[in-house]
Structure formats: structure tokens, C-alpha cells
Amino acid sequence: MAQHLINPPAPQLVDKPSRMTRAKRAALDALADLGSNFVEWGTPPYAVSLLAAEMGADLSNLTKTMRGLERAGLVVREVARVDCRNAISGDHMPRRCVCYWLAETMAHDKAQAEAWRAGSAERAAKALQAMRF
């Protein structure tokens, strides 16, 4: 019996290039748009649920789209603690969420996010001063 029939060769995994669909482009655009306004959306990374709400997209479909973008190397996935409003307690509570960074701007976004967080006490003091009569 031939040796190649006893031990068949292992299948070769081929990296197929990912198609850039309208859904993928829309997800990348939404991620970039959220990152351009820290005042309204906070600092990156952004949760998939926030992206879905902003895009008006189905959460499960967007999650699959984001996984494809991650495999293509266009976004970077991170599990992060995000403050979310808890309906039962009526307060904000940290919760673990799957969040994404744009891969091409991740280093720049991290630096901007750190600078934004570092100045938060000063911004809060100015806002409080402005609210006083």
C-alpha cells in the first residue's frame, strides 16, 4: 500500500483575502466617527453594542462583521471595563465588554485617550465652576 494513503497529508490552510463589504466599511466608518468625538462618546476602545446603536445595526450581525474585520487585521479586539447604566440600581456600574480599536490608528488613539483621561479632573472643575452662579 502506498505511504501517502496511510498517512494523508494535512490540509493546508490558506488565508483568503477578506472582501470589503458595505457592512464592513460601515463598521469601520462608525468606529472612526465615534473616535473623533471624545466629549460625546468617551475614549476608545468602543463596545460593539455602542457601535450597533450608533449604526442602527443588529448586534449579532455586527459582532460577526467585527470578527471578520479582526481576522483581516483592520480592528483590534479588547475586553475592557465599560461604565454602563444599571436599570435595577439606577447607577452606573462597570461591566466587561468586547471593545474594538481601529488597527491603523490604535497607537494614536491610545495616546489621545490617555491624555483625555489625564485632564478629566481639570475639565470637571471648569464645568462645575461654570455651573455656579
Protein backbone atom coordinates (compact mmCIF):
# COMPACT_ATOMS: atom_id res chain seq x y z
CA MET A 1 0.00 0.00 0.00
CA ALA A 2 1.27 3.46 -0.84
CA GLN A 3 2.59 5.50 2.07
CA HIS A 4 0.55 8.61 1.15
CA LEU A 5 -2.70 6.64 1.54
CA ILE A 6 -1.87 5.52 5.06
CA ASN A 7 -0.94 9.00 6.31
CA PRO A 8 -2.83 11.54 4.20
CA PRO A 9 -1.23 14.97 4.02
CA ALA A 10 -2.54 17.58 6.42
CA PRO A 11 -4.86 20.08 4.80
CA GLN A 12 -3.22 23.39 4.01
CA LEU A 13 -4.87 26.44 5.50
CA VAL A 14 -4.94 29.29 3.04
CA ASP A 15 -5.52 32.85 4.14
CA LYS A 16 -8.25 34.04 1.84
CA PRO A 17 -8.38 37.79 1.40
CA SER A 18 -11.45 39.23 3.04
CA ARG A 19 -13.94 41.07 0.86
CA MET A 20 -14.64 44.65 1.92
CA THR A 21 -18.43 44.60 2.09
CA ARG A 22 -20.73 47.56 2.75
CA ALA A 23 -21.28 46.27 6.30
CA LYS A 24 -17.54 46.13 6.99
CA ARG A 25 -16.98 49.60 5.53
CA ALA A 26 -19.90 50.99 7.59
CA ALA A 27 -18.49 49.41 10.78
CA LEU A 28 -15.03 50.90 10.14
CA ASP A 29 -16.56 54.31 9.39
CA ALA A 30 -18.69 54.20 12.56
CA LEU A 31 -15.66 53.24 14.65
CA ALA A 32 -13.70 56.17 13.16
CA ASP A 33 -16.61 58.59 13.70
CA LEU A 34 -17.01 57.63 17.37
CA GLY A 35 -13.29 58.13 17.91
CA SER A 36 -13.45 61.67 16.57
CA ASN A 37 -15.65 62.97 19.42
CA PHE A 38 -14.43 62.11 22.94
CA VAL A 39 -16.84 64.58 24.55
CA GLU A 40 -19.92 62.69 23.39
CA TRP A 41 -18.74 59.07 23.24
CA GLY A 42 -15.80 58.88 25.61
CA THR A 43 -12.45 57.42 24.73
CA PRO A 44 -11.78 54.32 22.63
CA PRO A 45 -12.00 51.35 22.56
CA TYR A 46 -15.72 51.21 21.78
CA ALA A 47 -18.13 48.43 22.67
CA VAL A 48 -19.90 46.56 19.89
CA SER A 49 -23.23 47.46 21.49
CA LEU A 50 -22.41 51.18 21.19
CA LEU A 51 -21.40 50.73 17.55
CA ALA A 52 -24.61 48.81 16.83
CA ALA A 53 -26.75 51.50 18.46
CA GLU A 54 -24.96 54.27 16.56
CA MET A 55 -25.27 52.45 13.22
CA GLY A 56 -28.79 51.13 13.80
CA ALA A 57 -27.39 47.66 13.11
CA ASP A 58 -28.30 44.28 14.52
CA LEU A 59 -25.90 43.42 17.36
CA SER A 60 -25.36 39.78 16.34
CA ASN A 61 -24.68 40.68 12.70
CA LEU A 62 -22.29 43.46 13.69
CA THR A 63 -20.46 41.12 16.07
CA LYS A 64 -19.82 38.72 13.17
CA THR A 65 -18.72 41.60 10.98
CA MET A 66 -16.28 42.80 13.63
CA ARG A 67 -14.79 39.30 13.97
CA GLY A 68 -14.16 39.29 10.22
CA LEU A 69 -12.50 42.71 10.44
CA GLU A 70 -10.36 41.42 13.30
CA ARG A 71 -9.25 38.41 11.23
CA ALA A 72 -8.38 40.80 8.41
CA GLY A 73 -6.26 42.86 10.83
CA LEU A 74 -8.32 46.04 10.42
CA VAL A 75 -9.51 46.22 14.04
CA VAL A 76 -8.07 45.08 17.35
CA ARG A 77 -10.34 43.37 19.88
CA GLU A 78 -10.04 44.06 23.59
CA VAL A 79 -12.13 43.05 26.59
CA ALA A 80 -12.45 46.23 28.65
CA ARG A 81 -14.43 47.52 31.60
CA VAL A 82 -17.05 49.99 30.44
CA ASP A 83 -19.38 52.03 32.64
CA CYS A 84 -22.98 51.10 31.84
CA ARG A 85 -26.19 52.25 33.45
CA ASN A 86 -27.76 49.53 35.55
CA ALA A 87 -31.56 49.76 35.42
CA ILE A 88 -32.05 47.95 38.72
CA SER A 89 -29.73 50.08 40.83
CA GLY A 90 -30.21 53.24 38.77
CA ASP A 91 -26.48 53.82 38.91
CA HIS A 92 -23.54 53.36 36.57
CA MET A 93 -21.60 50.16 37.07
CA PRO A 94 -18.52 48.81 35.32
CA ARG A 95 -19.13 45.80 33.09
CA ARG A 96 -16.83 43.74 30.90
CA CYS A 97 -17.48 44.35 27.21
CA VAL A 98 -15.88 43.32 23.95
CA CYS A 99 -14.50 46.54 22.52
CA TYR A 100 -12.61 47.42 19.36
CA TRP A 101 -9.85 49.78 18.27
CA LEU A 102 -9.12 50.76 14.66
CA ALA A 103 -5.82 48.97 13.98
CA GLU A 104 -4.31 51.74 11.84
CA THR A 105 -4.89 54.46 14.45
CA MET A 106 -4.66 52.41 17.65
CA ALA A 107 -1.37 53.87 18.94
CA HIS A 108 -2.52 57.43 18.28
CA ASP A 109 -5.97 56.75 19.80
CA LYS A 110 -4.41 55.25 22.94
CA ALA A 111 -2.22 58.32 23.39
CA GLN A 112 -5.20 60.66 22.90
CA ALA A 113 -7.36 58.61 25.28
CA GLU A 114 -4.67 58.74 27.97
CA ALA A 115 -4.30 62.50 27.57
CA TRP A 116 -8.10 62.90 27.71
CA ARG A 117 -8.32 60.86 30.93
CA ALA A 118 -5.39 62.76 32.46
CA GLY A 119 -7.19 66.09 32.01
CA SER A 120 -10.58 64.93 33.28
CA ALA A 121 -10.24 66.47 36.77
CA GLU A 122 -9.41 69.87 35.31
CA ARG A 123 -12.36 69.72 32.87
CA ALA A 124 -14.71 68.68 35.68
CA ALA A 125 -13.55 71.59 37.86
CA LYS A 126 -14.09 74.06 34.98
CA ALA A 127 -17.56 72.66 34.30
CA LEU A 128 -18.51 72.91 37.97
CA GLN A 129 -17.23 76.48 38.12
CA ALA A 130 -19.25 77.39 35.01
CA MET A 131 -22.43 75.94 36.57
CA ARG A 132 -22.14 78.06 39.71
CA PHE A 133 -23.96 81.38 39.60
